[in-house]
Every structure is written in structure tokens, then in C-alpha cells.
Amino acid sequence: MDFIIFIVAMGALVYGADFIIKESERIALHFNISHFVIGATLIAFGTSLPEMAASMMASAQGKSDMAVANVVGSITFNITLVLGVVFFIAKQMNPDRNLFQKDSAWVIVPLGIFLLMIQDGVISRIDGVIFLFIMVSYLLFLFTDAKEDLEGEIDTSITKEKFNWPKTVAFLSVGFVLTIGGADFVIESGSNIAREFGVSEWLIGLFLISFGTSLPELVVSIVAVKKGNADMSIGNIIGSNVANFSMVLGGSALLNPLKVNIASANFDILIMSVASITLLFILANKIYNKAGSIFLLAILALFLQNAFA
């Protein structure tokens, strides 16, 4: 029964986040907020809503392992699975933006700060505030670098619809109910599954929850590939990973300090770090093709093999 609850709750979590993203876009467009701002904030951060809901709910329930594992797993899946699939199926990727020059710092700096923070085994409330400042810095960076046009990431069908406040408020309400309620049931059923099979809550958060909460990034990226905007998915993943570190871990740590068992989580954190460094290598050398895909999918294979060995 817990498996059924988990799957249904994960679906509610993902669909709820989708409602929030689309209705937020409608509001932004109604008030003539630029397409760049919408794309750079709502798309990248919006697809991180499931991770944020799940981790903050886990933190509120005192399940630090699930909260942190969800972030570690989501970042690993975002880079290895999502970009691995994008690079593999994309026919050609020639981004106009110099991704390495402009965005590489946002790949490595949040990771470096995270690695420093966990050395004492705890992500404290002060650490959470620091992470939230990173989010503010990233937003300022996006606003000051507004020459990059992310219009292609917006659902163009939204711009053609007439704005309707009652409908928008209703869908936003449904979205928040699905996201928060789904997160609550995901954590509860995930904990029951862990107890039933004698596996750790870290493992449940690392794979079951993080994979499910990474689905929005995967869907958005595949749609971008089909629309010929595959290069935009790279920026979306970078932005989503910044949000995972800043909003998700930062917000979760503010609710409750997060304990991190470095000894047991060592390999998973190492894999996340290797995936991030590999992404830097790909950005620096512009390996946006099947070769880059193989690098990332090989790391994913190691990640999965270690967990289920």
C-alpha cells in the first residue's frame, strides 16, 4: 500500500509544481515582466519546487537524511541523467552564450560551500542563511545579465490565453495543495518503505524521492530538445542545481539543522562532485554531443551500481 501511496503522492507533487509554474508565468506575463526574468527565475527555480517541498517536509519531520539525500540525488540525476539524455538525443547544440565563462562559477561555488559546510556533520541555520544569500546573488546575476534571452523556455500557449484571475488563483491553490500534500505523503510513505525493507532513509531520499522530484527538469529538457532549444536545458539544469543548494538546503536548514553522516554519504557526495566537475569540463570544451552524454551516463551507472551492489 505504501508503494501505491508513494507513486500517487509523487505524481501529485510533480503535477502540483507544474500548476504553480504555469500560473506564475501567467501572472508575470500579465504584469509585463520580461520573458528573460520569467525564464531565468520561474523555469529554473520552478522545476525545483518538488525538491524544495520534499526536503522541507522531511526537515520539518526531523528526517535530515532524506532532506539532504534528496538534494544530493537530485543534483546528480539532473547532471548525469537529464543532461546525459539531452546530449544523446540532441542533433546539434551550438549555444550562443558562453556557458563556461558566464555560468561555470554557479556550478562549482555552491558545491564547494556545501562541502565545507558538512565538515562538522551539520548544516546549521546559519549555513541555511548563507545558502539563501547564494540564491539572492544568483538572482542578481540573472537580472544584471539580462542580455541572454530565455524566451524559448516559456510555454508559448500561455501567452495566447486571456488572463483570468479567478482561474489563476484556483489553479495556484490546487498546485500548492498538491505540492505540499504530495510532499507530506511522499516522506511518510518513503519512511514506511525504508522500514519495511530495512534500508536507510538516506537511500530512499537518494533514489526514490530525488529521481521523482527530478522529473520536471527531465520533462522540461526533453521538450526543449524537441523544440530545437536543447542548449537552454543546460542553463535550466545549472539554475535548478543552484536552487537545490540555496532554496532547498537553505530553507530546510532554517526549519531544522540538518545532520549529515559524512562516512555513510561519502561516495554519493563524491559522485555528485565528480558529476559537477565533469559538467565544467563539458562546458569548457563544448562537448554537447554523444561523447559528453557517455561521460555523464557512465557516472550515473557508477552511482546506481554502488547503491544497489
C-alpha atoms as a PDB file:
ATOM      1  CA  MET A   1       0.000   0.000   0.000  1.00  0.00           C
ATOM      2  CA  ASP A   2       2.866   2.365   0.809  1.00  0.00           C
ATOM      3  CA  PHE A   3       4.228   1.919  -2.736  1.00  0.00           C
ATOM      4  CA  ILE A   4       0.879   2.992  -4.219  1.00  0.00           C
ATOM      5  CA  ILE A   5       0.680   5.984  -1.864  1.00  0.00           C
ATOM      6  CA  PHE A   6       4.282   6.895  -2.746  1.00  0.00           C
ATOM      7  CA  ILE A   7       3.640   6.812  -6.521  1.00  0.00           C
ATOM      8  CA  VAL A   8       0.354   8.744  -6.282  1.00  0.00           C
ATOM      9  CA  ALA A   9       1.914  11.309  -3.925  1.00  0.00           C
ATOM     10  CA  MET A  10       4.930  11.741  -6.222  1.00  0.00           C
ATOM     11  CA  GLY A  11       2.563  12.364  -9.133  1.00  0.00           C
ATOM     12  CA  ALA A  12       0.690  14.960  -7.069  1.00  0.00           C
ATOM     13  CA  LEU A  13       3.993  16.597  -6.136  1.00  0.00           C
ATOM     14  CA  VAL A  14       5.170  16.889  -9.744  1.00  0.00           C
ATOM     15  CA  TYR A  15       1.808  17.964 -11.192  1.00  0.00           C
ATOM     16  CA  GLY A  16       1.296  20.460  -8.392  1.00  0.00           C
ATOM     17  CA  ALA A  17       4.640  22.070  -9.188  1.00  0.00           C
ATOM     18  CA  ASP A  18       3.633  22.225 -12.872  1.00  0.00           C
ATOM     19  CA  PHE A  19       0.431  24.096 -11.981  1.00  0.00           C
ATOM     20  CA  ILE A  20       2.398  26.609  -9.893  1.00  0.00           C
ATOM     21  CA  ILE A  21       4.963  27.192 -12.656  1.00  0.00           C
ATOM     22  CA  LYS A  22       2.352  27.796 -15.370  1.00  0.00           C
ATOM     23  CA  GLU A  23       0.123  30.049 -13.278  1.00  0.00           C
ATOM     24  CA  SER A  24       3.149  32.059 -12.102  1.00  0.00           C
ATOM     25  CA  GLU A  25       4.072  32.575 -15.750  1.00  0.00           C
ATOM     26  CA  ARG A  26       0.566  33.870 -16.446  1.00  0.00           C
ATOM     27  CA  ILE A  27       0.807  36.398 -13.605  1.00  0.00           C
ATOM     28  CA  ALA A  28       4.267  37.550 -14.719  1.00  0.00           C
ATOM     29  CA  LEU A  29       3.142  37.961 -18.328  1.00  0.00           C
ATOM     30  CA  HIS A  30       0.010  39.819 -17.208  1.00  0.00           C
ATOM     31  CA  PHE A  31       2.158  42.394 -15.411  1.00  0.00           C
ATOM     32  CA  ASN A  32       4.558  42.681 -18.383  1.00  0.00           C
ATOM     33  CA  ILE A  33       7.534  41.147 -16.609  1.00  0.00           C
ATOM     34  CA  SER A  34      10.180  40.355 -19.210  1.00  0.00           C
ATOM     35  CA  HIS A  35      10.425  36.909 -20.732  1.00  0.00           C
ATOM     36  CA  PHE A  36      14.041  36.739 -19.602  1.00  0.00           C
ATOM     37  CA  VAL A  37      13.106  37.195 -15.959  1.00  0.00           C
ATOM     38  CA  ILE A  38      10.302  34.653 -16.265  1.00  0.00           C
ATOM     39  CA  GLY A  39      12.540  32.056 -17.882  1.00  0.00           C
ATOM     40  CA  ALA A  40      15.563  32.578 -15.674  1.00  0.00           C
ATOM     41  CA  THR A  41      13.623  32.501 -12.415  1.00  0.00           C
ATOM     42  CA  LEU A  42      10.342  30.625 -12.757  1.00  0.00           C
ATOM     43  CA  ILE A  43      11.528  27.864 -15.078  1.00  0.00           C
ATOM     44  CA  ALA A  44      14.832  27.037 -13.380  1.00  0.00           C
ATOM     45  CA  PHE A  45      13.574  27.566  -9.829  1.00  0.00           C
ATOM     46  CA  GLY A  46      10.058  26.362 -10.526  1.00  0.00           C
ATOM     47  CA  THR A  47      11.244  22.908 -11.566  1.00  0.00           C
ATOM     48  CA  SER A  48      12.978  22.705  -8.156  1.00  0.00           C
ATOM     49  CA  LEU A  49       9.691  23.099  -6.262  1.00  0.00           C
ATOM     50  CA  PRO A  50       9.223  19.328  -5.776  1.00  0.00           C
ATOM     51  CA  GLU A  51      12.719  19.019  -4.266  1.00  0.00           C
ATOM     52  CA  MET A  52      12.052  22.011  -2.005  1.00  0.00           C
ATOM     53  CA  ALA A  53       8.676  20.677  -0.833  1.00  0.00           C
ATOM     54  CA  ALA A  54      10.026  17.175  -0.191  1.00  0.00           C
ATOM     55  CA  SER A  55      13.198  18.274   1.625  1.00  0.00           C
ATOM     56  CA  MET A  56      11.490  20.922   3.744  1.00  0.00           C
ATOM     57  CA  MET A  57       8.787  18.454   4.740  1.00  0.00           C
ATOM     58  CA  ALA A  58      11.471  15.900   5.642  1.00  0.00           C
ATOM     59  CA  SER A  59      13.331  18.539   7.673  1.00  0.00           C
ATOM     60  CA  ALA A  60      10.145  19.560   9.490  1.00  0.00           C
ATOM     61  CA  GLN A  61       9.640  15.895  10.448  1.00  0.00           C
ATOM     62  CA  GLY A  62      13.237  15.603  11.674  1.00  0.00           C
ATOM     63  CA  LYS A  63      14.343  13.359   8.796  1.00  0.00           C
ATOM     64  CA  SER A  64      17.677  15.022   7.965  1.00  0.00           C
ATOM     65  CA  ASP A  65      18.932  12.081   5.911  1.00  0.00           C
ATOM     66  CA  MET A  66      16.003  12.306   3.494  1.00  0.00           C
ATOM     67  CA  ALA A  67      16.271  16.085   3.200  1.00  0.00           C
ATOM     68  CA  VAL A  68      19.979  16.090   2.318  1.00  0.00           C
ATOM     69  CA  ALA A  69      19.899  12.879   0.256  1.00  0.00           C
ATOM     70  CA  ASN A  70      17.110  14.331  -1.889  1.00  0.00           C
ATOM     71  CA  VAL A  71      19.345  17.275  -2.822  1.00  0.00           C
ATOM     72  CA  VAL A  72      22.455  15.140  -3.427  1.00  0.00           C
ATOM     73  CA  GLY A  73      20.464  12.700  -5.558  1.00  0.00           C
ATOM     74  CA  SER A  74      18.556  15.392  -7.456  1.00  0.00           C
ATOM     75  CA  ILE A  75      21.716  17.278  -8.427  1.00  0.00           C
ATOM     76  CA  THR A  76      23.372  14.032  -9.517  1.00  0.00           C
ATOM     77  CA  PHE A  77      20.329  12.984 -11.566  1.00  0.00           C
ATOM     78  CA  ASN A  78      19.964  16.491 -13.068  1.00  0.00           C
ATOM     79  CA  ILE A  79      23.521  16.431 -14.408  1.00  0.00           C
ATOM     80  CA  THR A  80      24.023  12.765 -15.296  1.00  0.00           C
ATOM     81  CA  LEU A  81      20.548  11.612 -16.340  1.00  0.00           C
ATOM     82  CA  VAL A  82      18.881  14.773 -17.649  1.00  0.00           C
ATOM     83  CA  LEU A  83      21.867  16.282 -19.475  1.00  0.00           C
ATOM     84  CA  GLY A  84      23.061  12.807 -20.455  1.00  0.00           C
ATOM     85  CA  VAL A  85      19.741  12.222 -22.231  1.00  0.00           C
ATOM     86  CA  VAL A  86      19.712  15.750 -23.721  1.00  0.00           C
ATOM     87  CA  PHE A  87      23.224  15.431 -25.177  1.00  0.00           C
ATOM     88  CA  PHE A  88      22.396  11.987 -26.534  1.00  0.00           C
ATOM     89  CA  ILE A  89      19.169  12.867 -28.364  1.00  0.00           C
ATOM     90  CA  ALA A  90      20.051  16.420 -29.461  1.00  0.00           C
ATOM     91  CA  LYS A  91      21.091  16.548 -33.116  1.00  0.00           C
ATOM     92  CA  GLN A  92      23.168  19.690 -32.751  1.00  0.00           C
ATOM     93  CA  MET A  93      23.893  22.103 -29.923  1.00  0.00           C
ATOM     94  CA  ASN A  94      25.690  25.398 -30.551  1.00  0.00           C
ATOM     95  CA  PRO A  95      24.796  27.767 -27.697  1.00  0.00           C
ATOM     96  CA  ASP A  96      25.316  31.458 -28.447  1.00  0.00           C
ATOM     97  CA  ARG A  97      26.004  32.017 -24.761  1.00  0.00           C
ATOM     98  CA  ASN A  98      29.492  31.251 -23.460  1.00  0.00           C
ATOM     99  CA  LEU A  99      28.247  28.916 -20.747  1.00  0.00           C
ATOM    100  CA  PHE A 100      31.662  28.172 -19.280  1.00  0.00           C
ATOM    101  CA  GLN A 101      32.635  31.826 -18.998  1.00  0.00           C
ATOM    102  CA  LYS A 102      29.322  33.052 -17.590  1.00  0.00           C
ATOM    103  CA  ASP A 103      27.894  30.116 -15.652  1.00  0.00           C
ATOM    104  CA  SER A 104      30.720  27.827 -14.510  1.00  0.00           C
ATOM    105  CA  ALA A 105      31.045  29.604 -11.157  1.00  0.00           C
ATOM    106  CA  TRP A 106      27.426  28.693 -10.369  1.00  0.00           C
ATOM    107  CA  VAL A 107      28.265  25.022 -10.924  1.00  0.00           C
ATOM    108  CA  ILE A 108      31.269  24.867  -8.618  1.00  0.00           C
ATOM    109  CA  VAL A 109      30.877  27.585  -5.928  1.00  0.00           C
ATOM    110  CA  PRO A 110      27.645  26.271  -4.303  1.00  0.00           C
ATOM    111  CA  LEU A 111      29.153  22.765  -4.366  1.00  0.00           C
ATOM    112  CA  GLY A 112      32.361  23.984  -2.715  1.00  0.00           C
ATOM    113  CA  ILE A 113      30.433  25.819   0.001  1.00  0.00           C
ATOM    114  CA  PHE A 114      28.317  22.701   0.633  1.00  0.00           C
ATOM    115  CA  LEU A 115      31.446  20.529   1.004  1.00  0.00           C
ATOM    116  CA  LEU A 116      32.898  22.993   3.523  1.00  0.00           C
ATOM    117  CA  MET A 117      29.661  23.222   5.500  1.00  0.00           C
ATOM    118  CA  ILE A 118      29.270  19.480   6.045  1.00  0.00           C
ATOM    119  CA  GLN A 119      32.753  19.008   7.518  1.00  0.00           C
ATOM    120  CA  ASP A 120      31.320  19.369  11.041  1.00  0.00           C
ATOM    121  CA  GLY A 121      28.487  16.961  10.209  1.00  0.00           C
ATOM    122  CA  VAL A 122      25.754  19.601  10.429  1.00  0.00           C
ATOM    123  CA  ILE A 123      24.190  22.140   8.070  1.00  0.00           C
ATOM    124  CA  SER A 124      23.166  24.740  10.647  1.00  0.00           C
ATOM    125  CA  ARG A 125      20.596  27.527  10.449  1.00  0.00           C
ATOM    126  CA  ILE A 126      23.453  29.982   9.846  1.00  0.00           C
ATOM    127  CA  ASP A 127      24.564  27.772   6.946  1.00  0.00           C
ATOM    128  CA  GLY A 128      20.983  27.893   5.694  1.00  0.00           C
ATOM    129  CA  VAL A 129      21.061  31.699   5.699  1.00  0.00           C
ATOM    130  CA  ILE A 130      24.340  31.618   3.745  1.00  0.00           C
ATOM    131  CA  PHE A 131      22.734  29.326   1.169  1.00  0.00           C
ATOM    132  CA  LEU A 132      19.791  31.717   0.819  1.00  0.00           C
ATOM    133  CA  PHE A 133      22.246  34.571   0.214  1.00  0.00           C
ATOM    134  CA  ILE A 134      23.686  32.477  -2.618  1.00  0.00           C
ATOM    135  CA  MET A 135      20.214  32.374  -4.149  1.00  0.00           C
ATOM    136  CA  VAL A 136      19.930  36.162  -3.874  1.00  0.00           C
ATOM    137  CA  SER A 137      23.360  36.504  -5.525  1.00  0.00           C
ATOM    138  CA  TYR A 138      22.284  34.229  -8.354  1.00  0.00           C
ATOM    139  CA  LEU A 139      19.099  36.226  -8.916  1.00  0.00           C
ATOM    140  CA  LEU A 140      21.106  39.462  -9.020  1.00  0.00           C
ATOM    141  CA  PHE A 141      23.446  37.831 -11.526  1.00  0.00           C
ATOM    142  CA  LEU A 142      20.497  36.822 -13.705  1.00  0.00           C
ATOM    143  CA  PHE A 143      18.967  40.300 -13.613  1.00  0.00           C
ATOM    144  CA  THR A 144      22.258  42.038 -14.451  1.00  0.00           C
ATOM    145  CA  ASP A 145      22.987  39.549 -17.230  1.00  0.00           C
ATOM    146  CA  ALA A 146      19.616  40.082 -18.889  1.00  0.00           C
ATOM    147  CA  LYS A 147      21.042  40.214 -22.403  1.00  0.00           C
ATOM    148  CA  GLU A 148      20.571  36.453 -22.621  1.00  0.00           C
ATOM    149  CA  ASP A 149      17.068  35.784 -23.952  1.00  0.00           C
ATOM    150  CA  LEU A 150      15.334  32.778 -22.428  1.00  0.00           C
ATOM    151  CA  GLU A 151      12.010  33.395 -24.140  1.00  0.00           C
ATOM    152  CA  GLY A 152      12.080  29.944 -25.731  1.00  0.00           C
ATOM    153  CA  GLU A 153      11.694  28.286 -22.338  1.00  0.00           C
ATOM    154  CA  ILE A 154       8.283  29.847 -21.788  1.00  0.00           C
ATOM    155  CA  ASP A 155       5.197  27.852 -22.709  1.00  0.00           C
ATOM    156  CA  THR A 156       4.083  29.940 -25.701  1.00  0.00           C
ATOM    157  CA  SER A 157       0.492  28.706 -25.387  1.00  0.00           C
ATOM    158  CA  ILE A 158       0.261  30.653 -22.118  1.00  0.00           C
ATOM    159  CA  THR A 159       0.880  33.973 -23.868  1.00  0.00           C
ATOM    160  CA  LYS A 160      -2.088  33.350 -26.174  1.00  0.00           C
ATOM    161  CA  GLU A 161      -4.589  32.747 -23.371  1.00  0.00           C
ATOM    162  CA  LYS A 162      -6.698  35.526 -21.886  1.00  0.00           C
ATOM    163  CA  PHE A 163      -5.696  36.279 -18.286  1.00  0.00           C
ATOM    164  CA  ASN A 164      -8.314  35.219 -15.742  1.00  0.00           C
ATOM    165  CA  TRP A 165      -7.658  35.986 -12.058  1.00  0.00           C
ATOM    166  CA  PRO A 166     -10.201  33.523 -10.543  1.00  0.00           C
ATOM    167  CA  LYS A 167      -8.881  30.700 -12.730  1.00  0.00           C
ATOM    168  CA  THR A 168      -5.255  31.558 -11.945  1.00  0.00           C
ATOM    169  CA  VAL A 169      -5.865  31.746  -8.182  1.00  0.00           C
ATOM    170  CA  ALA A 170      -7.802  28.462  -8.290  1.00  0.00           C
ATOM    171  CA  PHE A 171      -5.035  26.644 -10.178  1.00  0.00           C
ATOM    172  CA  LEU A 172      -2.359  28.133  -7.899  1.00  0.00           C
ATOM    173  CA  SER A 173      -4.288  26.907  -4.869  1.00  0.00           C
ATOM    174  CA  VAL A 174      -4.634  23.434  -6.355  1.00  0.00           C
ATOM    175  CA  GLY A 175      -0.935  23.459  -7.212  1.00  0.00           C
ATOM    176  CA  PHE A 176       0.134  24.345  -3.663  1.00  0.00           C
ATOM    177  CA  VAL A 177      -2.225  21.774  -2.132  1.00  0.00           C
ATOM    178  CA  LEU A 178      -0.923  19.036  -4.446  1.00  0.00           C
ATOM    179  CA  THR A 179       2.716  20.006  -3.900  1.00  0.00           C
ATOM    180  CA  ILE A 180       2.597  20.316  -0.105  1.00  0.00           C
ATOM    181  CA  GLY A 181       0.218  17.396   0.405  1.00  0.00           C
ATOM    182  CA  GLY A 182       2.161  15.248  -2.045  1.00  0.00           C
ATOM    183  CA  ALA A 183       5.424  16.034  -0.275  1.00  0.00           C
ATOM    184  CA  ASP A 184       3.945  15.038   3.084  1.00  0.00           C
ATOM    185  CA  PHE A 185       2.738  11.665   1.774  1.00  0.00           C
ATOM    186  CA  VAL A 186       5.972  11.060  -0.166  1.00  0.00           C
ATOM    187  CA  ILE A 187       8.051  11.451   3.004  1.00  0.00           C
ATOM    188  CA  GLU A 188       5.698   9.388   5.161  1.00  0.00           C
ATOM    189  CA  SER A 189       5.304   6.520   2.671  1.00  0.00           C
ATOM    190  CA  GLY A 190       9.022   6.665   1.814  1.00  0.00           C
ATOM    191  CA  SER A 191       9.869   6.240   5.504  1.00  0.00           C
ATOM    192  CA  ASN A 192       7.499   3.271   5.762  1.00  0.00           C
ATOM    193  CA  ILE A 193       9.077   1.646   2.694  1.00  0.00           C
ATOM    194  CA  ALA A 194      12.529   2.147   4.203  1.00  0.00           C
ATOM    195  CA  ARG A 195      11.471   0.487   7.454  1.00  0.00           C
ATOM    196  CA  GLU A 196       9.688  -2.368   5.663  1.00  0.00           C
ATOM    197  CA  PHE A 197      12.714  -3.292   3.547  1.00  0.00           C
ATOM    198  CA  GLY A 198      15.320  -2.443   6.156  1.00  0.00           C
ATOM    199  CA  VAL A 199      17.030   0.199   4.014  1.00  0.00           C
ATOM    200  CA  SER A 200      18.103   3.603   5.202  1.00  0.00           C
ATOM    201  CA  GLU A 201      16.094   6.795   4.804  1.00  0.00           C
ATOM    202  CA  TRP A 202      19.206   8.180   3.078  1.00  0.00           C
ATOM    203  CA  LEU A 203      18.829   5.570   0.307  1.00  0.00           C
ATOM    204  CA  ILE A 204      15.105   6.271  -0.096  1.00  0.00           C
ATOM    205  CA  GLY A 205      15.774  10.007  -0.368  1.00  0.00           C
ATOM    206  CA  LEU A 206      18.764   9.487  -2.638  1.00  0.00           C
ATOM    207  CA  PHE A 207      16.938   7.441  -5.249  1.00  0.00           C
ATOM    208  CA  LEU A 208      13.161   7.149  -4.967  1.00  0.00           C
ATOM    209  CA  ILE A 209      12.454  10.734  -3.904  1.00  0.00           C
ATOM    210  CA  SER A 210      15.276  12.505  -5.769  1.00  0.00           C
ATOM    211  CA  PHE A 211      14.512  10.695  -9.032  1.00  0.00           C
ATOM    212  CA  GLY A 212      10.836  11.571  -8.765  1.00  0.00           C
ATOM    213  CA  THR A 213      11.488  15.208  -7.926  1.00  0.00           C
ATOM    214  CA  SER A 214      13.910  15.447 -10.882  1.00  0.00           C
ATOM    215  CA  LEU A 215      11.137  14.548 -13.324  1.00  0.00           C
ATOM    216  CA  PRO A 216      10.164  18.209 -14.012  1.00  0.00           C
ATOM    217  CA  GLU A 217      13.738  19.003 -15.119  1.00  0.00           C
ATOM    218  CA  LEU A 218      13.749  15.891 -17.302  1.00  0.00           C
ATOM    219  CA  VAL A 219      10.403  16.738 -18.915  1.00  0.00           C
ATOM    220  CA  VAL A 220      11.320  20.408 -19.496  1.00  0.00           C
ATOM    221  CA  SER A 221      14.660  19.407 -21.039  1.00  0.00           C
ATOM    222  CA  ILE A 222      13.182  16.784 -23.378  1.00  0.00           C
ATOM    223  CA  VAL A 223      10.521  19.264 -24.529  1.00  0.00           C
ATOM    224  CA  ALA A 224      13.293  21.821 -25.145  1.00  0.00           C
ATOM    225  CA  VAL A 225      15.157  19.280 -27.302  1.00  0.00           C
ATOM    226  CA  LYS A 226      12.032  18.586 -29.361  1.00  0.00           C
ATOM    227  CA  LYS A 227      11.559  22.340 -29.905  1.00  0.00           C
ATOM    228  CA  GLY A 228      15.168  22.752 -31.024  1.00  0.00           C
ATOM    229  CA  ASN A 229      16.145  24.579 -27.828  1.00  0.00           C
ATOM    230  CA  ALA A 230      18.311  21.858 -26.310  1.00  0.00           C
ATOM    231  CA  ASP A 231      21.068  24.292 -25.282  1.00  0.00           C
ATOM    232  CA  MET A 232      18.595  26.073 -22.978  1.00  0.00           C
ATOM    233  CA  SER A 233      18.256  22.930 -20.893  1.00  0.00           C
ATOM    234  CA  ILE A 234      21.882  23.340 -19.754  1.00  0.00           C
ATOM    235  CA  GLY A 235      21.098  26.712 -18.218  1.00  0.00           C
ATOM    236  CA  ASN A 236      17.941  25.277 -16.705  1.00  0.00           C
ATOM    237  CA  ILE A 237      19.908  22.489 -15.007  1.00  0.00           C
ATOM    238  CA  ILE A 238      22.552  24.914 -13.708  1.00  0.00           C
ATOM    239  CA  GLY A 239      19.813  27.168 -12.326  1.00  0.00           C
ATOM    240  CA  SER A 240      17.936  24.212 -10.833  1.00  0.00           C
ATOM    241  CA  ASN A 241      21.068  22.959  -9.105  1.00  0.00           C
ATOM    242  CA  VAL A 242      21.752  26.410  -7.654  1.00  0.00           C
ATOM    243  CA  ALA A 243      18.165  26.376  -6.385  1.00  0.00           C
ATOM    244  CA  ASN A 244      18.662  22.911  -4.890  1.00  0.00           C
ATOM    245  CA  PHE A 245      21.630  24.092  -2.866  1.00  0.00           C
ATOM    246  CA  SER A 246      20.270  27.517  -1.971  1.00  0.00           C
ATOM    247  CA  MET A 247      16.479  27.295  -1.663  1.00  0.00           C
ATOM    248  CA  VAL A 248      16.115  23.608  -0.849  1.00  0.00           C
ATOM    249  CA  LEU A 249      19.003  23.062   1.573  1.00  0.00           C
ATOM    250  CA  GLY A 250      18.867  26.630   2.857  1.00  0.00           C
ATOM    251  CA  GLY A 251      15.149  26.517   3.564  1.00  0.00           C
ATOM    252  CA  SER A 252      15.345  23.020   5.082  1.00  0.00           C
ATOM    253  CA  ALA A 253      18.227  24.027   7.373  1.00  0.00           C
ATOM    254  CA  LEU A 254      16.266  27.049   8.598  1.00  0.00           C
ATOM    255  CA  LEU A 255      13.454  24.754   9.721  1.00  0.00           C
ATOM    256  CA  ASN A 256      15.807  22.328  11.461  1.00  0.00           C
ATOM    257  CA  PRO A 257      19.607  21.942  11.399  1.00  0.00           C
ATOM    258  CA  LEU A 258      20.432  19.049   9.071  1.00  0.00           C
ATOM    259  CA  LYS A 259      22.750  16.308  10.312  1.00  0.00           C
ATOM    260  CA  VAL A 260      24.995  14.745   7.663  1.00  0.00           C
ATOM    261  CA  ASN A 261      26.680  11.391   8.231  1.00  0.00           C
ATOM    262  CA  ILE A 262      29.736  12.012   6.060  1.00  0.00           C
ATOM    263  CA  ALA A 263      31.072   8.469   6.492  1.00  0.00           C
ATOM    264  CA  SER A 264      27.971   6.779   5.047  1.00  0.00           C
ATOM    265  CA  ALA A 265      27.235   9.505   2.478  1.00  0.00           C
ATOM    266  CA  ASN A 266      30.837   9.882   1.314  1.00  0.00           C
ATOM    267  CA  PHE A 267      30.554   8.039  -2.020  1.00  0.00           C
ATOM    268  CA  ASP A 268      27.271   9.696  -3.028  1.00  0.00           C
ATOM    269  CA  ILE A 269      28.650  13.164  -2.290  1.00  0.00           C
ATOM    270  CA  LEU A 270      31.812  12.235  -4.227  1.00  0.00           C
ATOM    271  CA  ILE A 271      29.715  11.182  -7.237  1.00  0.00           C
ATOM    272  CA  MET A 272      27.782  14.475  -7.104  1.00  0.00           C
ATOM    273  CA  SER A 273      31.106  16.347  -7.033  1.00  0.00           C
ATOM    274  CA  VAL A 274      32.546  14.326  -9.936  1.00  0.00           C
ATOM    275  CA  ALA A 275      29.358  14.935 -11.962  1.00  0.00           C
ATOM    276  CA  SER A 276      29.667  18.702 -11.342  1.00  0.00           C
ATOM    277  CA  ILE A 277      33.349  18.759 -12.334  1.00  0.00           C
ATOM    278  CA  THR A 278      32.546  16.707 -15.449  1.00  0.00           C
ATOM    279  CA  LEU A 279      29.871  19.264 -16.362  1.00  0.00           C
ATOM    280  CA  LEU A 280      32.516  22.003 -16.051  1.00  0.00           C
ATOM    281  CA  PHE A 281      34.787  20.009 -18.371  1.00  0.00           C
ATOM    282  CA  ILE A 282      31.945  19.645 -20.889  1.00  0.00           C
ATOM    283  CA  LEU A 283      31.144  23.371 -20.738  1.00  0.00           C
ATOM    284  CA  ALA A 284      34.812  24.339 -21.134  1.00  0.00           C
ATOM    285  CA  ASN A 285      35.288  22.103 -24.173  1.00  0.00           C
ATOM    286  CA  LYS A 286      31.742  22.439 -25.567  1.00  0.00           C
ATOM    287  CA  ILE A 287      31.211  18.670 -25.691  1.00  0.00           C
ATOM    288  CA  TYR A 288      27.453  18.977 -26.202  1.00  0.00           C
ATOM    289  CA  ASN A 289      27.145  15.673 -28.041  1.00  0.00           C
ATOM    290  CA  LYS A 290      27.057  11.888 -27.590  1.00  0.00           C
ATOM    291  CA  ALA A 291      30.612  11.905 -26.213  1.00  0.00           C
ATOM    292  CA  GLY A 292      29.523  14.224 -23.410  1.00  0.00           C
ATOM    293  CA  SER A 293      26.450  12.039 -22.905  1.00  0.00           C
ATOM    294  CA  ILE A 294      28.609   8.933 -22.461  1.00  0.00           C
ATOM    295  CA  PHE A 295      30.740  10.684 -19.813  1.00  0.00           C
ATOM    296  CA  LEU A 296      27.651  11.618 -17.809  1.00  0.00           C
ATOM    297  CA  LEU A 297      25.793   8.318 -18.203  1.00  0.00           C
ATOM    298  CA  ALA A 298      28.918   6.430 -17.119  1.00  0.00           C
ATOM    299  CA  ILE A 299      28.925   8.432 -13.881  1.00  0.00           C
ATOM    300  CA  LEU A 300      25.216   7.659 -13.464  1.00  0.00           C
ATOM    301  CA  ALA A 301      25.968   3.946 -13.898  1.00  0.00           C
ATOM    302  CA  LEU A 302      28.593   4.114 -11.136  1.00  0.00           C
ATOM    303  CA  PHE A 303      26.123   5.961  -8.925  1.00  0.00           C
ATOM    304  CA  LEU A 304      23.453   3.266  -9.391  1.00  0.00           C
ATOM    305  CA  GLN A 305      25.876   0.345  -9.216  1.00  0.00           C
ATOM    306  CA  ASN A 306      27.260   1.454  -5.853  1.00  0.00           C
ATOM    307  CA  ALA A 307      23.817   1.891  -4.351  1.00  0.00           C
ATOM    308  CA  PHE A 308      22.459  -1.489  -5.388  1.00  0.00           C
ATOM    309  CA  ALA A 309      25.665  -3.537  -5.191  1.00  0.00           C
END
